[in-house]
Amino acid sequence: MNKRELGAAGETAALKYYIAKGYALVSKNWRYRRFGEIDFILSGCGAKCENKHDLLVFCEVKLRNKKSFLTPAEAVNITKQNRIRKLAEIFISINPQFENYIVRFDIAELYYDESLNYRVRILEEAF
């Protein structure tokens, strides 16, 4: 399995996790021109919202082999965080129906082993 296929399988594992928790996928791999991409945009409900879809989650998915020295979250540096924040602002400005939603930035950490078993860990409010 090549790197792209590993990444796609990892994204699928992370998305299944969110859906099992009651989130709905708003957009996957959302791009704005050449500025960048957001892996997932989801709506759902956290502890802070009253209605089922008052929360908008922007999620960066990062995948690592179990043997990696760095955690997946460590790959989301301040530059990447700022880019995701800016993309979130752009997304909401283009989609004003989300203006009043609570916004959360997550990192989905995925680890895989030699058998391509994925372990998903969601870091809510990661930045």
Protein backbone atom coordinates (compact mmCIF):
# COMPACT_ATOMS: atom_id res chain seq x y z
CA MET A 1 0.00 0.00 0.00
CA ASN A 2 1.46 3.36 -0.98
CA LYS A 3 1.44 6.54 1.10
CA ARG A 4 -1.68 7.97 -0.57
CA GLU A 5 -3.63 4.75 0.00
CA LEU A 6 -2.49 4.63 3.64
CA GLY A 7 -3.67 8.20 4.11
CA ALA A 8 -7.05 7.53 2.49
CA ALA A 9 -7.59 4.45 4.66
CA GLY A 10 -6.63 6.47 7.72
CA GLU A 11 -9.07 9.25 6.83
CA THR A 12 -11.80 6.64 6.41
CA ALA A 13 -11.05 5.23 9.88
CA ALA A 14 -11.18 8.72 11.44
CA LEU A 15 -14.42 9.58 9.64
CA LYS A 16 -16.05 6.36 10.83
CA TYR A 17 -15.07 7.30 14.38
CA TYR A 18 -16.73 10.73 14.11
CA ILE A 19 -19.87 9.34 12.48
CA ALA A 20 -20.18 6.71 15.23
CA LYS A 21 -20.10 9.60 17.73
CA GLY A 22 -23.04 11.29 15.97
CA TYR A 23 -21.23 13.85 13.82
CA ALA A 24 -22.29 14.59 10.25
CA LEU A 25 -19.79 15.20 7.46
CA VAL A 26 -20.18 18.68 5.97
CA SER A 27 -17.15 18.50 3.68
CA LYS A 28 -14.13 16.28 3.11
CA ASN A 29 -10.80 17.57 1.77
CA TRP A 30 -12.24 21.08 1.40
CA ARG A 31 -9.89 23.34 -0.58
CA TYR A 32 -9.82 27.04 -1.13
CA ARG A 33 -7.80 27.95 -4.20
CA ARG A 34 -4.13 27.27 -3.51
CA PHE A 35 -4.30 28.32 0.12
CA GLY A 36 -4.72 24.84 1.52
CA GLU A 37 -7.05 22.05 2.51
CA ILE A 38 -9.06 21.00 5.54
CA ASP A 39 -9.37 17.23 5.87
CA PHE A 40 -12.84 17.17 7.49
CA ILE A 41 -15.48 19.70 8.32
CA LEU A 42 -18.16 18.15 10.52
CA SER A 43 -21.24 19.29 12.36
CA GLY A 44 -22.32 17.77 15.60
CA CYS A 45 -22.79 18.46 19.22
CA GLY A 46 -20.31 18.79 22.00
CA ALA A 47 -20.89 19.55 25.66
CA LYS A 48 -21.25 23.26 24.87
CA CYS A 49 -24.08 23.21 22.33
CA GLU A 50 -27.83 23.06 22.73
CA ASN A 51 -28.88 21.67 19.36
CA LYS A 52 -27.59 18.64 17.51
CA HIS A 53 -25.70 20.65 14.90
CA ASP A 54 -24.56 23.79 16.71
CA LEU A 55 -20.91 22.77 16.56
CA LEU A 56 -18.67 22.98 13.51
CA VAL A 57 -15.49 20.91 13.73
CA PHE A 58 -12.47 21.51 11.51
CA CYS A 59 -10.31 18.42 11.69
CA GLU A 60 -6.75 17.77 10.55
CA VAL A 61 -6.01 14.06 10.11
CA LYS A 62 -2.44 12.90 10.74
CA LEU A 63 -1.18 9.37 10.32
CA ARG A 64 1.94 7.76 11.75
CA ASN A 65 3.45 4.31 11.94
CA LYS A 66 3.67 2.93 15.49
CA LYS A 67 7.46 3.12 15.16
CA SER A 68 7.48 6.88 14.55
CA PHE A 69 9.26 9.04 17.13
CA LEU A 70 6.88 11.99 16.73
CA THR A 71 3.18 11.96 17.48
CA PRO A 72 0.85 12.85 14.64
CA ALA A 73 -0.22 16.02 16.49
CA GLU A 74 3.38 17.24 16.60
CA ALA A 75 3.26 17.48 12.81
CA VAL A 76 0.54 20.16 13.07
CA ASN A 77 2.81 23.09 13.83
CA ILE A 78 1.76 26.70 14.43
CA THR A 79 2.00 27.53 10.71
CA LYS A 80 -0.37 24.68 9.83
CA GLN A 81 -2.70 25.66 12.69
CA ASN A 82 -2.88 29.25 11.46
CA ARG A 83 -3.56 28.10 7.92
CA ILE A 84 -6.42 25.89 9.12
CA ARG A 85 -7.86 28.77 11.18
CA LYS A 86 -7.76 31.05 8.13
CA LEU A 87 -9.38 28.39 5.94
CA ALA A 88 -12.11 27.98 8.58
CA GLU A 89 -12.80 31.73 8.45
CA ILE A 90 -13.02 31.57 4.66
CA PHE A 91 -15.30 28.51 4.78
CA ILE A 92 -17.71 30.22 7.17
CA SER A 93 -17.70 33.45 5.12
CA ILE A 94 -18.63 31.43 2.01
CA ASN A 95 -21.20 29.38 3.96
CA PRO A 96 -23.00 31.91 6.18
CA GLN A 97 -25.44 29.28 7.48
CA PHE A 98 -22.60 28.30 9.86
CA GLU A 99 -22.00 31.86 11.17
CA ASN A 100 -23.48 31.22 14.61
CA TYR A 101 -21.97 27.80 15.16
CA ILE A 102 -19.43 27.10 17.85
CA VAL A 103 -16.12 26.31 16.12
CA ARG A 104 -13.70 23.65 17.29
CA PHE A 105 -10.34 22.58 15.86
CA ASP A 106 -9.47 18.90 16.27
CA ILE A 107 -6.58 16.70 15.31
CA ALA A 108 -7.32 13.08 14.48
CA GLU A 109 -4.23 11.08 15.34
CA LEU A 110 -3.99 7.73 13.63
CA TYR A 111 -1.43 5.05 14.28
CA TYR A 112 -1.12 1.94 12.18
CA ASP A 113 0.81 -1.30 12.56
CA GLU A 114 2.31 -3.78 10.09
CA SER A 115 -1.11 -5.41 9.58
CA LEU A 116 -2.60 -1.99 8.73
CA ASN A 117 -4.77 -1.91 11.83
CA TYR A 118 -5.60 1.69 12.68
CA ARG A 119 -5.92 3.20 16.14
CA VAL A 120 -7.79 6.52 16.19
CA ARG A 121 -7.31 9.16 18.85
CA ILE A 122 -9.23 12.44 18.53
CA LEU A 123 -7.71 15.49 20.20
CA GLU A 124 -10.67 17.82 20.62
CA GLU A 125 -9.92 21.53 20.84
CA ALA A 126 -6.32 20.73 19.87
CA PHE A 127 -5.60 24.35 18.99
